[in-house]
Amino acid sequence: MNKSVIFDIDGTLLYARGSGRQAFGTAFRAAYGVEYCNVDKICFVGATDSNVVRNMAIESGITNTPALEEHFFMVLARELDRALATQKPLVYAGVPEFLAALTQCSLALGIITGNIRSTAWSKLRHGGIDRFFCFGAYGDDHHERSEIARRAIRRAPSAAPVAVMIGDTPLDIQAAKTHNLIAVAVATGWVSAADLAEAGADLVLDDFSDTARCVAGVMNLLR
């Protein structure tokens, strides 16, 4: 079946064990010259890195500039990669098996994430699942998730148009629906299965531990 499936990363495929939050604090101090005092309260659920750092600057009374933002992202990539080398991300149960099974069904797999490109691939690489993905769109492509999804769709292999988007938040479901994609939600992140169903997901999975059931659910939606 010549279709593509695009995945969110954090809360969907893996958990970075707090490394991202710590790296944000270090990078903000290095780039913007001040300590961000609310690092523990940053909400990353469904967010994009571009929006997060811009809000951090506003809250700190700093006028953001492209140069400051670029500096921030350079330090963020370095610090996060260093942290993940020490403490690997937690890849959720069944994720490698699920990705392998979808690939065996001739589905192309891509990424749609609020992470910038460098940190997205760092998380996937340290989690040992980067080999499954062949395209993606990222938080440094745009600050809005729906637009990131549009770019992921555009970057998919021409012979395998994107049909399914898999994420863990209502914002992922909204982005999928905006682009007429099948919305699959998984309750491995910070949103309950009930709330994901209420948000309009076409399929809600508790997790990916039952490979056969998860693959069957996706393939049934593609028929």
C-alpha atoms as a PDB file:
ATOM      1  CA  MET A   1       0.000   0.000   0.000  1.00  0.00           C
ATOM      2  CA  ASN A   2       1.688   3.196  -1.152  1.00  0.00           C
ATOM      3  CA  LYS A   3       0.754   5.611   1.633  1.00  0.00           C
ATOM      4  CA  SER A   4       2.666   7.539   4.287  1.00  0.00           C
ATOM      5  CA  VAL A   5       2.043   7.815   8.013  1.00  0.00           C
ATOM      6  CA  ILE A   6       3.398  10.798   9.971  1.00  0.00           C
ATOM      7  CA  PHE A   7       4.177  10.649  13.691  1.00  0.00           C
ATOM      8  CA  ASP A   8       4.562  13.146  16.481  1.00  0.00           C
ATOM      9  CA  ILE A   9       7.578  12.357  18.712  1.00  0.00           C
ATOM     10  CA  ASP A  10       7.246  13.424  22.359  1.00  0.00           C
ATOM     11  CA  GLY A  11       4.473  11.649  24.212  1.00  0.00           C
ATOM     12  CA  THR A  12       3.757   9.540  21.141  1.00  0.00           C
ATOM     13  CA  LEU A  13       6.943   7.588  20.433  1.00  0.00           C
ATOM     14  CA  LEU A  14       9.106   8.406  23.429  1.00  0.00           C
ATOM     15  CA  TYR A  15       9.701  10.398  26.581  1.00  0.00           C
ATOM     16  CA  ALA A  16      12.946  12.361  26.911  1.00  0.00           C
ATOM     17  CA  ARG A  17      12.893  12.058  30.736  1.00  0.00           C
ATOM     18  CA  GLY A  18      12.987  15.821  31.304  1.00  0.00           C
ATOM     19  CA  SER A  19      16.155  16.379  29.273  1.00  0.00           C
ATOM     20  CA  GLY A  20      14.389  18.830  26.963  1.00  0.00           C
ATOM     21  CA  ARG A  21      13.216  21.059  29.798  1.00  0.00           C
ATOM     22  CA  GLN A  22      16.709  21.246  31.288  1.00  0.00           C
ATOM     23  CA  ALA A  23      18.246  21.978  27.891  1.00  0.00           C
ATOM     24  CA  PHE A  24      15.727  24.775  27.308  1.00  0.00           C
ATOM     25  CA  GLY A  25      16.781  26.454  30.538  1.00  0.00           C
ATOM     26  CA  THR A  26      20.489  26.223  29.734  1.00  0.00           C
ATOM     27  CA  ALA A  27      20.013  27.414  26.147  1.00  0.00           C
ATOM     28  CA  PHE A  28      17.849  30.353  27.184  1.00  0.00           C
ATOM     29  CA  ARG A  29      20.423  31.551  29.678  1.00  0.00           C
ATOM     30  CA  ALA A  30      23.202  31.249  27.068  1.00  0.00           C
ATOM     31  CA  ALA A  31      21.328  32.986  24.253  1.00  0.00           C
ATOM     32  CA  TYR A  32      19.206  35.583  26.061  1.00  0.00           C
ATOM     33  CA  GLY A  33      21.542  36.328  28.942  1.00  0.00           C
ATOM     34  CA  VAL A  34      19.032  35.820  31.756  1.00  0.00           C
ATOM     35  CA  GLU A  35      17.813  32.943  33.869  1.00  0.00           C
ATOM     36  CA  TYR A  36      14.333  31.737  32.989  1.00  0.00           C
ATOM     37  CA  CYS A  37      12.799  31.108  36.393  1.00  0.00           C
ATOM     38  CA  ASN A  38       9.794  29.042  35.288  1.00  0.00           C
ATOM     39  CA  VAL A  39      11.521  26.157  33.494  1.00  0.00           C
ATOM     40  CA  ASP A  40       9.642  23.593  35.562  1.00  0.00           C
ATOM     41  CA  LYS A  41       6.332  25.121  34.466  1.00  0.00           C
ATOM     42  CA  ILE A  42       6.930  25.143  30.707  1.00  0.00           C
ATOM     43  CA  CYS A  43       4.116  23.300  28.946  1.00  0.00           C
ATOM     44  CA  PHE A  44       5.375  21.318  25.961  1.00  0.00           C
ATOM     45  CA  VAL A  45       2.141  19.378  25.371  1.00  0.00           C
ATOM     46  CA  GLY A  46       1.238  19.970  21.725  1.00  0.00           C
ATOM     47  CA  ALA A  47       3.599  22.958  21.604  1.00  0.00           C
ATOM     48  CA  THR A  48       6.260  23.932  19.089  1.00  0.00           C
ATOM     49  CA  ASP A  49       9.773  24.875  20.179  1.00  0.00           C
ATOM     50  CA  SER A  50       9.529  28.183  18.295  1.00  0.00           C
ATOM     51  CA  ASN A  51       6.413  29.240  20.197  1.00  0.00           C
ATOM     52  CA  VAL A  52       7.844  28.062  23.515  1.00  0.00           C
ATOM     53  CA  VAL A  53      11.032  30.129  23.300  1.00  0.00           C
ATOM     54  CA  ARG A  54       9.134  33.182  22.048  1.00  0.00           C
ATOM     55  CA  ASN A  55       6.818  32.987  25.044  1.00  0.00           C
ATOM     56  CA  MET A  56       9.824  32.573  27.335  1.00  0.00           C
ATOM     57  CA  ALA A  57      11.295  35.793  25.904  1.00  0.00           C
ATOM     58  CA  ILE A  58       8.012  37.689  26.347  1.00  0.00           C
ATOM     59  CA  GLU A  59       7.685  36.534  29.952  1.00  0.00           C
ATOM     60  CA  SER A  60      11.288  37.615  30.591  1.00  0.00           C
ATOM     61  CA  GLY A  61      10.689  41.079  29.129  1.00  0.00           C
ATOM     62  CA  ILE A  62      13.103  40.506  26.264  1.00  0.00           C
ATOM     63  CA  THR A  63      12.539  41.534  22.657  1.00  0.00           C
ATOM     64  CA  ASN A  64      13.096  38.409  20.608  1.00  0.00           C
ATOM     65  CA  THR A  65      15.152  38.562  17.413  1.00  0.00           C
ATOM     66  CA  PRO A  66      16.019  35.974  14.741  1.00  0.00           C
ATOM     67  CA  ALA A  67      19.645  36.090  15.894  1.00  0.00           C
ATOM     68  CA  LEU A  68      18.766  35.354  19.530  1.00  0.00           C
ATOM     69  CA  GLU A  69      16.445  32.572  18.471  1.00  0.00           C
ATOM     70  CA  GLU A  70      19.092  31.021  16.211  1.00  0.00           C
ATOM     71  CA  HIS A  71      21.640  31.171  19.034  1.00  0.00           C
ATOM     72  CA  PHE A  72      19.122  29.551  21.379  1.00  0.00           C
ATOM     73  CA  PHE A  73      18.451  26.661  19.015  1.00  0.00           C
ATOM     74  CA  MET A  74      22.159  26.041  18.428  1.00  0.00           C
ATOM     75  CA  VAL A  75      22.785  25.704  22.162  1.00  0.00           C
ATOM     76  CA  LEU A  76      19.584  23.699  22.647  1.00  0.00           C
ATOM     77  CA  ALA A  77      20.677  21.106  20.080  1.00  0.00           C
ATOM     78  CA  ARG A  78      24.090  20.734  21.708  1.00  0.00           C
ATOM     79  CA  GLU A  79      22.784  20.489  25.265  1.00  0.00           C
ATOM     80  CA  LEU A  80      19.984  18.072  24.468  1.00  0.00           C
ATOM     81  CA  ASP A  81      22.229  15.749  22.490  1.00  0.00           C
ATOM     82  CA  ARG A  82      24.708  15.740  25.363  1.00  0.00           C
ATOM     83  CA  ALA A  83      21.970  14.947  27.890  1.00  0.00           C
ATOM     84  CA  LEU A  84      20.450  12.170  25.787  1.00  0.00           C
ATOM     85  CA  ALA A  85      23.858  10.546  25.339  1.00  0.00           C
ATOM     86  CA  THR A  86      23.997  10.195  29.126  1.00  0.00           C
ATOM     87  CA  GLN A  87      20.360   9.296  29.715  1.00  0.00           C
ATOM     88  CA  LYS A  88      18.641   7.660  26.759  1.00  0.00           C
ATOM     89  CA  PRO A  89      15.010   8.580  26.081  1.00  0.00           C
ATOM     90  CA  LEU A  90      12.327   6.140  27.104  1.00  0.00           C
ATOM     91  CA  VAL A  91      10.890   4.609  23.940  1.00  0.00           C
ATOM     92  CA  TYR A  92       7.371   3.483  24.730  1.00  0.00           C
ATOM     93  CA  ALA A  93       6.501  -0.211  24.789  1.00  0.00           C
ATOM     94  CA  GLY A  94       5.834  -1.676  21.362  1.00  0.00           C
ATOM     95  CA  VAL A  95       6.995   1.374  19.382  1.00  0.00           C
ATOM     96  CA  PRO A  96       9.893  -0.299  17.494  1.00  0.00           C
ATOM     97  CA  GLU A  97       7.738  -3.313  16.670  1.00  0.00           C
ATOM     98  CA  PHE A  98       4.843  -1.116  15.505  1.00  0.00           C
ATOM     99  CA  LEU A  99       7.100   0.990  13.271  1.00  0.00           C
ATOM    100  CA  ALA A 100       8.719  -2.125  11.798  1.00  0.00           C
ATOM    101  CA  ALA A 101       5.320  -3.677  11.104  1.00  0.00           C
ATOM    102  CA  LEU A 102       4.025  -0.567   9.340  1.00  0.00           C
ATOM    103  CA  THR A 103       7.161  -0.492   7.195  1.00  0.00           C
ATOM    104  CA  GLN A 104       6.580  -4.130   6.278  1.00  0.00           C
ATOM    105  CA  CYS A 105       3.098  -3.098   5.116  1.00  0.00           C
ATOM    106  CA  SER A 106       4.844  -0.844   2.539  1.00  0.00           C
ATOM    107  CA  LEU A 107       3.941   2.341   4.393  1.00  0.00           C
ATOM    108  CA  ALA A 108       6.450   5.208   4.360  1.00  0.00           C
ATOM    109  CA  LEU A 109       6.957   6.798   7.783  1.00  0.00           C
ATOM    110  CA  GLY A 110       7.590  10.459   8.501  1.00  0.00           C
ATOM    111  CA  ILE A 111       7.799  12.920  11.386  1.00  0.00           C
ATOM    112  CA  ILE A 112       5.628  15.909  12.266  1.00  0.00           C
ATOM    113  CA  THR A 113       6.924  17.548  15.427  1.00  0.00           C
ATOM    114  CA  GLY A 114       7.240  20.800  17.283  1.00  0.00           C
ATOM    115  CA  ASN A 115      10.896  19.916  17.936  1.00  0.00           C
ATOM    116  CA  ILE A 116      13.439  21.651  15.734  1.00  0.00           C
ATOM    117  CA  ARG A 117      15.015  19.365  13.153  1.00  0.00           C
ATOM    118  CA  SER A 118      18.261  18.760  15.062  1.00  0.00           C
ATOM    119  CA  THR A 119      16.633  17.850  18.380  1.00  0.00           C
ATOM    120  CA  ALA A 120      13.976  15.720  16.686  1.00  0.00           C
ATOM    121  CA  TRP A 121      16.569  13.510  15.041  1.00  0.00           C
ATOM    122  CA  SER A 122      18.699  13.495  18.182  1.00  0.00           C
ATOM    123  CA  LYS A 123      15.792  12.037  20.165  1.00  0.00           C
ATOM    124  CA  LEU A 124      15.017   9.470  17.472  1.00  0.00           C
ATOM    125  CA  ARG A 125      18.679   8.493  17.127  1.00  0.00           C
ATOM    126  CA  HIS A 126      19.305   8.107  20.853  1.00  0.00           C
ATOM    127  CA  GLY A 127      16.051   6.138  21.071  1.00  0.00           C
ATOM    128  CA  GLY A 128      17.271   3.789  18.330  1.00  0.00           C
ATOM    129  CA  ILE A 129      14.265   4.363  16.052  1.00  0.00           C
ATOM    130  CA  ASP A 130      15.583   6.934  13.567  1.00  0.00           C
ATOM    131  CA  ARG A 131      16.044   4.261  10.880  1.00  0.00           C
ATOM    132  CA  PHE A 132      12.293   3.926  10.372  1.00  0.00           C
ATOM    133  CA  PHE A 133      11.708   7.502   9.151  1.00  0.00           C
ATOM    134  CA  CYS A 134      12.461   8.959   5.741  1.00  0.00           C
ATOM    135  CA  PHE A 135      11.029  12.516   5.865  1.00  0.00           C
ATOM    136  CA  GLY A 136       9.603  15.078   8.244  1.00  0.00           C
ATOM    137  CA  ALA A 137       8.743  18.651   9.179  1.00  0.00           C
ATOM    138  CA  TYR A 138       9.812  20.432  12.338  1.00  0.00           C
ATOM    139  CA  GLY A 139       9.403  23.279  14.801  1.00  0.00           C
ATOM    140  CA  ASP A 140      11.990  25.414  13.043  1.00  0.00           C
ATOM    141  CA  ASP A 141      10.026  25.104   9.790  1.00  0.00           C
ATOM    142  CA  HIS A 142       7.120  27.003  11.342  1.00  0.00           C
ATOM    143  CA  HIS A 143       5.676  27.887  14.746  1.00  0.00           C
ATOM    144  CA  GLU A 144       2.175  26.476  14.097  1.00  0.00           C
ATOM    145  CA  ARG A 145       1.565  22.713  14.148  1.00  0.00           C
ATOM    146  CA  SER A 146      -0.961  22.775  11.297  1.00  0.00           C
ATOM    147  CA  GLU A 147       1.570  24.440   9.007  1.00  0.00           C
ATOM    148  CA  ILE A 148       4.253  21.962  10.077  1.00  0.00           C
ATOM    149  CA  ALA A 149       1.845  19.180   9.106  1.00  0.00           C
ATOM    150  CA  ARG A 150       1.300  20.806   5.704  1.00  0.00           C
ATOM    151  CA  ARG A 151       5.049  20.820   5.091  1.00  0.00           C
ATOM    152  CA  ALA A 152       5.381  17.187   6.170  1.00  0.00           C
ATOM    153  CA  ILE A 153       2.655  16.289   3.689  1.00  0.00           C
ATOM    154  CA  ARG A 154       4.494  18.161   0.953  1.00  0.00           C
ATOM    155  CA  ARG A 155       7.776  16.361   1.741  1.00  0.00           C
ATOM    156  CA  ALA A 156       6.338  12.850   1.647  1.00  0.00           C
ATOM    157  CA  PRO A 157       7.458  10.576  -1.208  1.00  0.00           C
ATOM    158  CA  SER A 158       5.477  11.491  -4.313  1.00  0.00           C
ATOM    159  CA  ALA A 159       4.367   7.888  -4.736  1.00  0.00           C
ATOM    160  CA  ALA A 160       3.196   7.629  -1.110  1.00  0.00           C
ATOM    161  CA  PRO A 161       0.937  10.535  -0.091  1.00  0.00           C
ATOM    162  CA  VAL A 162       0.321  11.068   3.608  1.00  0.00           C
ATOM    163  CA  ALA A 163      -2.919   9.457   4.771  1.00  0.00           C
ATOM    164  CA  VAL A 164      -2.545   9.103   8.559  1.00  0.00           C
ATOM    165  CA  MET A 165      -1.213  11.288  11.349  1.00  0.00           C
ATOM    166  CA  ILE A 166      -0.464   9.762  14.759  1.00  0.00           C
ATOM    167  CA  GLY A 167      -0.084  11.916  17.858  1.00  0.00           C
ATOM    168  CA  ASP A 168      -0.941  12.210  21.539  1.00  0.00           C
ATOM    169  CA  THR A 169      -2.760  15.545  21.877  1.00  0.00           C
ATOM    170  CA  PRO A 170      -5.928  17.242  20.613  1.00  0.00           C
ATOM    171  CA  LEU A 171      -3.691  19.639  18.664  1.00  0.00           C
ATOM    172  CA  ASP A 172      -2.354  16.678  16.677  1.00  0.00           C
ATOM    173  CA  ILE A 173      -5.898  15.593  15.924  1.00  0.00           C
ATOM    174  CA  GLN A 174      -6.833  19.128  14.880  1.00  0.00           C
ATOM    175  CA  ALA A 175      -3.820  19.346  12.556  1.00  0.00           C
ATOM    176  CA  ALA A 176      -4.736  16.005  10.978  1.00  0.00           C
ATOM    177  CA  LYS A 177      -8.324  17.061  10.387  1.00  0.00           C
ATOM    178  CA  THR A 178      -7.230  20.396   8.918  1.00  0.00           C
ATOM    179  CA  HIS A 179      -5.434  18.477   6.170  1.00  0.00           C
ATOM    180  CA  ASN A 180      -8.080  15.757   5.720  1.00  0.00           C
ATOM    181  CA  LEU A 181      -5.875  13.072   7.245  1.00  0.00           C
ATOM    182  CA  ILE A 182      -6.953  10.113   9.338  1.00  0.00           C
ATOM    183  CA  ALA A 183      -6.269  11.045  12.971  1.00  0.00           C
ATOM    184  CA  VAL A 184      -4.916   8.276  15.193  1.00  0.00           C
ATOM    185  CA  ALA A 185      -4.300   9.201  18.830  1.00  0.00           C
ATOM    186  CA  VAL A 186      -2.345   7.309  21.464  1.00  0.00           C
ATOM    187  CA  ALA A 187      -2.754   7.864  25.200  1.00  0.00           C
ATOM    188  CA  THR A 188       0.925   7.415  26.079  1.00  0.00           C
ATOM    189  CA  GLY A 189       1.440  11.142  26.669  1.00  0.00           C
ATOM    190  CA  TRP A 190      -0.378  13.499  29.016  1.00  0.00           C
ATOM    191  CA  VAL A 191      -3.910  13.387  27.555  1.00  0.00           C
ATOM    192  CA  SER A 192      -6.397  10.656  28.449  1.00  0.00           C
ATOM    193  CA  ALA A 193      -7.914   8.287  25.920  1.00  0.00           C
ATOM    194  CA  ALA A 194     -11.353   9.718  26.704  1.00  0.00           C
ATOM    195  CA  ASP A 195     -10.228  13.274  25.969  1.00  0.00           C
ATOM    196  CA  LEU A 196      -8.546  12.178  22.737  1.00  0.00           C
ATOM    197  CA  ALA A 197     -11.748  10.460  21.620  1.00  0.00           C
ATOM    198  CA  GLU A 198     -13.750  13.574  22.467  1.00  0.00           C
ATOM    199  CA  ALA A 199     -11.316  15.648  20.387  1.00  0.00           C
ATOM    200  CA  GLY A 200     -12.378  13.647  17.325  1.00  0.00           C
ATOM    201  CA  ALA A 201      -9.702  11.006  16.789  1.00  0.00           C
ATOM    202  CA  ASP A 202     -10.660   8.342  14.250  1.00  0.00           C
ATOM    203  CA  LEU A 203      -8.870   5.744  16.362  1.00  0.00           C
ATOM    204  CA  VAL A 204      -7.602   5.931  19.948  1.00  0.00           C
ATOM    205  CA  LEU A 205      -4.970   3.494  21.199  1.00  0.00           C
ATOM    206  CA  ASP A 206      -3.965   3.098  24.834  1.00  0.00           C
ATOM    207  CA  ASP A 207      -0.402   2.348  23.711  1.00  0.00           C
ATOM    208  CA  PHE A 208       1.489   0.405  21.034  1.00  0.00           C
ATOM    209  CA  SER A 209       2.156  -2.723  23.072  1.00  0.00           C
ATOM    210  CA  ASP A 210      -0.214  -4.926  21.043  1.00  0.00           C
ATOM    211  CA  THR A 211       1.443  -4.696  17.632  1.00  0.00           C
ATOM    212  CA  ALA A 212      -1.079  -6.792  15.731  1.00  0.00           C
ATOM    213  CA  ARG A 213      -4.041  -4.832  17.088  1.00  0.00           C
ATOM    214  CA  CYS A 214      -2.425  -1.441  16.403  1.00  0.00           C
ATOM    215  CA  VAL A 215      -1.429  -2.345  12.855  1.00  0.00           C
ATOM    216  CA  ALA A 216      -4.870  -3.795  12.146  1.00  0.00           C
ATOM    217  CA  GLY A 217      -6.494  -0.604  13.425  1.00  0.00           C
ATOM    218  CA  VAL A 218      -4.425   1.597  11.123  1.00  0.00           C
ATOM    219  CA  MET A 219      -4.782  -0.662   8.098  1.00  0.00           C
ATOM    220  CA  ASN A 220      -8.571  -0.868   8.542  1.00  0.00           C
ATOM    221  CA  LEU A 221      -8.763   2.921   8.427  1.00  0.00           C
ATOM    222  CA  LEU A 222      -6.768   2.949   5.193  1.00  0.00           C
ATOM    223  CA  ARG A 223      -9.141   0.610   3.348  1.00  0.00           C
END
